[in-house]
N, C-alpha and C. Protein backbone atom coordinates (compact mmCIF):
# COMPACT_ATOMS: atom_id res chain seq x y z
N MET A 1 -40.42 98.85 160.40
CA MET A 1 -39.35 99.07 159.44
C MET A 1 -38.02 99.35 160.14
N GLU A 2 -38.05 100.19 161.16
CA GLU A 2 -36.80 100.50 161.86
C GLU A 2 -36.18 99.28 162.51
N LEU A 3 -37.03 98.45 163.12
CA LEU A 3 -36.53 97.24 163.76
C LEU A 3 -35.93 96.29 162.72
N GLU A 4 -36.60 96.18 161.58
CA GLU A 4 -36.09 95.33 160.49
C GLU A 4 -34.75 95.85 160.00
N LYS A 5 -34.63 97.17 159.84
CA LYS A 5 -33.37 97.75 159.39
C LYS A 5 -32.27 97.52 160.42
N THR A 6 -32.61 97.71 161.70
CA THR A 6 -31.64 97.49 162.77
C THR A 6 -31.16 96.04 162.76
N ASN A 7 -32.09 95.10 162.66
CA ASN A 7 -31.71 93.69 162.62
C ASN A 7 -30.83 93.38 161.41
N ASN A 8 -31.19 93.95 160.27
CA ASN A 8 -30.40 93.73 159.06
C ASN A 8 -28.99 94.31 159.21
N MET A 9 -28.89 95.51 159.73
CA MET A 9 -27.57 96.13 159.91
C MET A 9 -26.73 95.35 160.92
N ASN A 10 -27.36 94.87 161.98
CA ASN A 10 -26.62 94.05 162.95
C ASN A 10 -26.11 92.77 162.32
N THR A 11 -26.93 92.16 161.47
CA THR A 11 -26.51 90.94 160.77
C THR A 11 -25.34 91.24 159.83
N LEU A 12 -25.48 92.29 159.04
CA LEU A 12 -24.39 92.65 158.11
C LEU A 12 -23.12 92.99 158.89
N TYR A 13 -23.28 93.68 160.01
CA TYR A 13 -22.13 94.02 160.85
C TYR A 13 -21.43 92.75 161.33
N GLU A 14 -22.20 91.75 161.73
CA GLU A 14 -21.60 90.50 162.20
C GLU A 14 -20.76 89.83 161.12
N PHE A 15 -21.23 89.89 159.90
CA PHE A 15 -20.51 89.24 158.80
C PHE A 15 -19.31 90.05 158.31
N TYR A 16 -19.44 91.36 158.26
CA TYR A 16 -18.44 92.17 157.57
C TYR A 16 -17.66 93.14 158.45
N ASN A 17 -17.82 93.09 159.77
CA ASN A 17 -17.16 94.09 160.62
C ASN A 17 -15.64 94.06 160.51
N VAL A 18 -15.08 92.91 160.16
CA VAL A 18 -13.62 92.83 160.04
C VAL A 18 -13.10 93.67 158.87
N LEU A 19 -13.99 94.07 157.97
CA LEU A 19 -13.60 94.89 156.82
C LEU A 19 -13.76 96.39 157.07
N LEU A 20 -14.22 96.74 158.26
CA LEU A 20 -14.46 98.15 158.60
C LEU A 20 -13.29 98.72 159.41
N THR A 21 -13.20 100.04 159.40
CA THR A 21 -12.20 100.71 160.23
C THR A 21 -12.67 100.68 161.68
N ASN A 22 -11.77 100.98 162.59
CA ASN A 22 -12.14 101.01 164.01
C ASN A 22 -13.21 102.05 164.29
N LYS A 23 -13.12 103.20 163.63
CA LYS A 23 -14.11 104.25 163.84
C LYS A 23 -15.47 103.80 163.32
N GLN A 24 -15.51 103.18 162.15
CA GLN A 24 -16.76 102.67 161.61
C GLN A 24 -17.36 101.61 162.54
N LYS A 25 -16.51 100.73 163.03
CA LYS A 25 -16.98 99.70 163.97
C LYS A 25 -17.55 100.34 165.23
N GLY A 26 -16.85 101.33 165.75
CA GLY A 26 -17.29 101.99 166.97
C GLY A 26 -18.63 102.67 166.81
N TYR A 27 -18.79 103.43 165.74
CA TYR A 27 -20.04 104.14 165.51
C TYR A 27 -21.19 103.16 165.33
N LEU A 28 -21.02 102.16 164.47
CA LEU A 28 -22.10 101.22 164.20
C LEU A 28 -22.43 100.38 165.42
N SER A 29 -21.42 99.95 166.13
CA SER A 29 -21.64 99.15 167.32
C SER A 29 -22.47 99.92 168.35
N LEU A 30 -22.13 101.17 168.56
CA LEU A 30 -22.88 101.99 169.52
C LEU A 30 -24.29 102.31 169.01
N TYR A 31 -24.39 102.64 167.73
CA TYR A 31 -25.67 103.07 167.17
C TYR A 31 -26.66 101.91 167.06
N TYR A 32 -26.24 100.82 166.45
CA TYR A 32 -27.15 99.70 166.24
C TYR A 32 -27.11 98.67 167.36
N GLY A 33 -25.94 98.44 167.91
CA GLY A 33 -25.82 97.42 168.95
C GLY A 33 -26.24 97.89 170.32
N ASP A 34 -25.85 99.12 170.68
CA ASP A 34 -26.13 99.62 172.03
C ASP A 34 -27.22 100.69 172.06
N ASP A 35 -27.78 101.01 170.88
CA ASP A 35 -28.90 101.96 170.77
C ASP A 35 -28.54 103.37 171.26
N TYR A 36 -27.30 103.78 171.03
CA TYR A 36 -26.91 105.15 171.36
C TYR A 36 -27.52 106.10 170.34
N SER A 37 -27.79 107.33 170.76
CA SER A 37 -28.25 108.36 169.83
C SER A 37 -27.04 108.96 169.12
N LEU A 38 -27.30 109.69 168.06
CA LEU A 38 -26.21 110.37 167.34
C LEU A 38 -25.47 111.32 168.28
N GLY A 39 -26.24 112.01 169.11
CA GLY A 39 -25.63 112.95 170.06
C GLY A 39 -24.73 112.27 171.07
N GLU A 40 -25.15 111.12 171.55
CA GLU A 40 -24.34 110.38 172.52
C GLU A 40 -23.04 109.87 171.89
N ILE A 41 -23.15 109.42 170.66
CA ILE A 41 -21.94 108.95 169.95
C ILE A 41 -21.02 110.13 169.68
N ALA A 42 -21.58 111.25 169.25
CA ALA A 42 -20.79 112.45 168.98
C ALA A 42 -20.04 112.89 170.23
N GLU A 43 -20.71 112.84 171.36
CA GLU A 43 -20.09 113.22 172.62
C GLU A 43 -18.96 112.24 172.99
N GLU A 44 -19.22 110.97 172.79
CA GLU A 44 -18.24 109.92 173.10
C GLU A 44 -16.95 110.08 172.28
N PHE A 45 -17.12 110.42 170.99
CA PHE A 45 -15.97 110.54 170.08
C PHE A 45 -15.48 111.98 169.90
N GLU A 46 -16.17 112.91 170.56
CA GLU A 46 -15.83 114.33 170.49
C GLU A 46 -15.82 114.85 169.06
N VAL A 47 -16.92 114.56 168.34
CA VAL A 47 -17.13 115.05 166.98
C VAL A 47 -18.56 115.58 166.90
N SER A 48 -18.91 116.14 165.75
CA SER A 48 -20.26 116.66 165.59
C SER A 48 -21.25 115.54 165.30
N ARG A 49 -22.51 115.81 165.58
CA ARG A 49 -23.56 114.84 165.26
C ARG A 49 -23.59 114.58 163.77
N GLN A 50 -23.37 115.63 162.98
CA GLN A 50 -23.39 115.48 161.53
C GLN A 50 -22.28 114.54 161.06
N ALA A 51 -21.12 114.62 161.69
CA ALA A 51 -20.00 113.72 161.33
C ALA A 51 -20.37 112.28 161.63
N VAL A 52 -21.03 112.06 162.77
CA VAL A 52 -21.47 110.70 163.14
C VAL A 52 -22.50 110.21 162.13
N TYR A 53 -23.49 111.05 161.84
CA TYR A 53 -24.55 110.70 160.90
C TYR A 53 -23.97 110.32 159.54
N ASP A 54 -23.08 111.17 159.03
CA ASP A 54 -22.46 110.92 157.72
C ASP A 54 -21.68 109.61 157.72
N ASN A 55 -20.93 109.38 158.78
CA ASN A 55 -20.13 108.16 158.86
C ASN A 55 -21.02 106.92 158.92
N ILE A 56 -22.09 106.98 159.69
CA ILE A 56 -23.00 105.83 159.80
C ILE A 56 -23.67 105.55 158.46
N LYS A 57 -24.14 106.58 157.78
CA LYS A 57 -24.79 106.39 156.48
C LYS A 57 -23.80 105.81 155.46
N ARG A 58 -22.58 106.31 155.47
CA ARG A 58 -21.55 105.81 154.56
C ARG A 58 -21.23 104.34 154.86
N THR A 59 -21.14 104.02 156.14
CA THR A 59 -20.83 102.66 156.55
C THR A 59 -21.98 101.71 156.24
N GLU A 60 -23.21 102.16 156.41
CA GLU A 60 -24.36 101.34 156.02
C GLU A 60 -24.28 100.98 154.54
N LYS A 61 -23.96 101.96 153.73
CA LYS A 61 -23.84 101.72 152.28
C LYS A 61 -22.72 100.73 151.99
N ILE A 62 -21.60 100.87 152.68
CA ILE A 62 -20.48 99.95 152.51
C ILE A 62 -20.91 98.53 152.85
N LEU A 63 -21.61 98.35 153.97
CA LEU A 63 -22.07 97.02 154.38
C LEU A 63 -23.03 96.43 153.35
N MET A 64 -23.94 97.25 152.85
CA MET A 64 -24.89 96.78 151.84
C MET A 64 -24.18 96.42 150.54
N ASP A 65 -23.15 97.18 150.19
CA ASP A 65 -22.36 96.86 148.99
C ASP A 65 -21.62 95.54 149.16
N TYR A 66 -21.05 95.32 150.33
CA TYR A 66 -20.38 94.04 150.61
C TYR A 66 -21.38 92.89 150.46
N GLU A 67 -22.55 93.06 151.03
CA GLU A 67 -23.55 92.00 150.97
C GLU A 67 -24.03 91.76 149.54
N GLN A 68 -24.18 92.84 148.79
CA GLN A 68 -24.61 92.69 147.40
C GLN A 68 -23.59 91.88 146.59
N LYS A 69 -22.33 92.08 146.89
CA LYS A 69 -21.27 91.39 146.15
C LYS A 69 -20.99 89.99 146.69
N LEU A 70 -20.97 89.84 148.01
CA LEU A 70 -20.54 88.58 148.61
C LEU A 70 -21.68 87.67 149.05
N LYS A 71 -22.82 88.28 149.39
CA LYS A 71 -24.03 87.54 149.77
C LYS A 71 -23.83 86.56 150.93
N LEU A 72 -22.97 86.88 151.86
CA LEU A 72 -22.73 86.00 153.00
C LEU A 72 -23.95 85.86 153.89
N ALA A 73 -24.60 86.97 154.22
CA ALA A 73 -25.78 86.94 155.10
C ALA A 73 -26.94 86.26 154.40
N GLN A 74 -27.14 86.56 153.14
CA GLN A 74 -28.23 85.95 152.38
C GLN A 74 -28.05 84.44 152.30
N ASN A 75 -26.84 84.00 152.00
CA ASN A 75 -26.57 82.56 151.91
C ASN A 75 -26.70 81.89 153.27
N TYR A 76 -26.30 82.57 154.32
CA TYR A 76 -26.44 82.04 155.68
C TYR A 76 -27.91 81.81 156.02
N ARG A 77 -28.74 82.81 155.73
CA ARG A 77 -30.18 82.69 156.01
C ARG A 77 -30.80 81.55 155.20
N LEU A 78 -30.44 81.48 153.92
CA LEU A 78 -30.97 80.44 153.05
C LEU A 78 -30.53 79.05 153.50
N ARG A 79 -29.27 78.93 153.86
CA ARG A 79 -28.74 77.65 154.33
C ARG A 79 -29.46 77.21 155.61
N ASN A 80 -29.68 78.14 156.53
CA ASN A 80 -30.38 77.81 157.77
C ASN A 80 -31.83 77.41 157.51
N LYS A 81 -32.48 78.09 156.57
CA LYS A 81 -33.86 77.75 156.22
C LYS A 81 -33.92 76.33 155.67
N LYS A 82 -33.01 76.00 154.75
CA LYS A 82 -32.99 74.66 154.16
C LYS A 82 -32.64 73.60 155.21
N LEU A 83 -31.74 73.93 156.10
CA LEU A 83 -31.38 73.00 157.17
C LEU A 83 -32.57 72.75 158.09
N ASP A 84 -33.33 73.79 158.40
CA ASP A 84 -34.54 73.63 159.22
C ASP A 84 -35.55 72.73 158.51
N GLU A 85 -35.71 72.95 157.19
CA GLU A 85 -36.63 72.12 156.42
C GLU A 85 -36.19 70.66 156.44
N LEU A 86 -34.90 70.44 156.27
CA LEU A 86 -34.36 69.08 156.30
C LEU A 86 -34.56 68.44 157.67
N ALA A 87 -34.30 69.19 158.73
CA ALA A 87 -34.46 68.66 160.08
C ALA A 87 -35.92 68.30 160.34
N ASN A 88 -36.85 69.16 159.92
CA ASN A 88 -38.28 68.88 160.12
C ASN A 88 -38.71 67.66 159.32
N TYR A 89 -38.26 67.57 158.08
CA TYR A 89 -38.59 66.43 157.23
C TYR A 89 -38.05 65.14 157.84
N ALA A 90 -36.80 65.17 158.26
CA ALA A 90 -36.19 63.97 158.84
C ALA A 90 -36.91 63.56 160.12
N GLU A 91 -37.30 64.53 160.91
CA GLU A 91 -38.01 64.23 162.16
C GLU A 91 -39.36 63.58 161.88
N GLU A 92 -40.05 64.06 160.85
CA GLU A 92 -41.36 63.50 160.50
C GLU A 92 -41.25 62.13 159.84
N LYS A 93 -40.36 62.01 158.87
CA LYS A 93 -40.29 60.79 158.06
C LYS A 93 -39.38 59.71 158.64
N TYR A 94 -38.34 60.13 159.32
CA TYR A 94 -37.35 59.17 159.83
C TYR A 94 -36.99 59.47 161.29
N PRO A 95 -37.98 59.45 162.17
CA PRO A 95 -37.70 59.84 163.57
C PRO A 95 -36.74 58.90 164.30
N ASP A 96 -36.62 57.66 163.84
CA ASP A 96 -35.77 56.70 164.53
C ASP A 96 -34.38 56.56 163.90
N ASP A 97 -34.13 57.31 162.85
CA ASP A 97 -32.84 57.22 162.16
C ASP A 97 -31.81 58.08 162.88
N ARG A 98 -31.07 57.49 163.78
CA ARG A 98 -30.08 58.22 164.59
C ARG A 98 -28.93 58.75 163.74
N SER A 99 -28.55 58.04 162.72
CA SER A 99 -27.46 58.50 161.85
C SER A 99 -27.84 59.79 161.14
N LEU A 100 -29.06 59.84 160.63
CA LEU A 100 -29.55 61.04 159.96
C LEU A 100 -29.64 62.21 160.94
N GLN A 101 -30.15 61.95 162.13
CA GLN A 101 -30.26 63.00 163.14
C GLN A 101 -28.88 63.53 163.54
N ARG A 102 -27.90 62.63 163.62
CA ARG A 102 -26.54 63.03 163.98
C ARG A 102 -25.91 63.88 162.87
N LEU A 103 -26.15 63.50 161.61
CA LEU A 103 -25.63 64.28 160.49
C LEU A 103 -26.22 65.70 160.48
N ILE A 104 -27.50 65.80 160.73
CA ILE A 104 -28.15 67.11 160.78
C ILE A 104 -27.58 67.94 161.93
N ALA A 105 -27.40 67.32 163.08
CA ALA A 105 -26.82 68.02 164.23
C ALA A 105 -25.41 68.51 163.90
N ASN A 106 -24.63 67.70 163.20
CA ASN A 106 -23.28 68.10 162.80
C ASN A 106 -23.31 69.30 161.86
N LEU A 107 -24.26 69.32 160.94
CA LEU A 107 -24.39 70.47 160.04
C LEU A 107 -24.75 71.73 160.81
N GLU A 108 -25.65 71.60 161.77
CA GLU A 108 -26.03 72.75 162.59
C GLU A 108 -24.86 73.28 163.40
N GLU A 109 -24.03 72.39 163.88
CA GLU A 109 -22.85 72.79 164.67
C GLU A 109 -21.84 73.56 163.82
N LEU A 110 -21.75 73.26 162.54
CA LEU A 110 -20.82 73.98 161.67
C LEU A 110 -21.09 75.47 161.67
N ASP A 111 -22.36 75.85 161.56
CA ASP A 111 -22.70 77.27 161.58
C ASP A 111 -22.48 77.88 162.95
N ASP A 112 -22.72 77.11 164.00
CA ASP A 112 -22.51 77.62 165.36
C ASP A 112 -21.04 77.94 165.61
N LYS A 113 -20.14 77.17 165.02
CA LYS A 113 -18.70 77.42 165.19
C LYS A 113 -18.27 78.70 164.52
N ASP A 114 -18.96 79.09 163.45
CA ASP A 114 -18.61 80.30 162.70
C ASP A 114 -19.00 81.57 163.44
N GLU A 115 -19.92 81.48 164.36
CA GLU A 115 -20.42 82.70 165.03
C GLU A 115 -19.52 83.18 166.11
């Protein structure tokens, strides 16, 4: 569960970090990205552990609210799943169709440019 939550928060952070304050970015980046403890973050920012904890919990809720409203991460996952299905189908049914393979590769590159 913790690993799943960490992965989800990192994904949401990737999509919505531009909407966060610098302090929120710093806390979340250290906590989820660099695996810092609350105490280590508190020491780094010279605040209490409770302040770090409260800020992280508040920011998690903000990220989840953004996702609930905008669904960027959900749509990204769904789009990638469908693209994988299309690529597998095309590979099985039309392995020699270079035009189709090129179109699929172009679609895959679109998402890579966004990252």
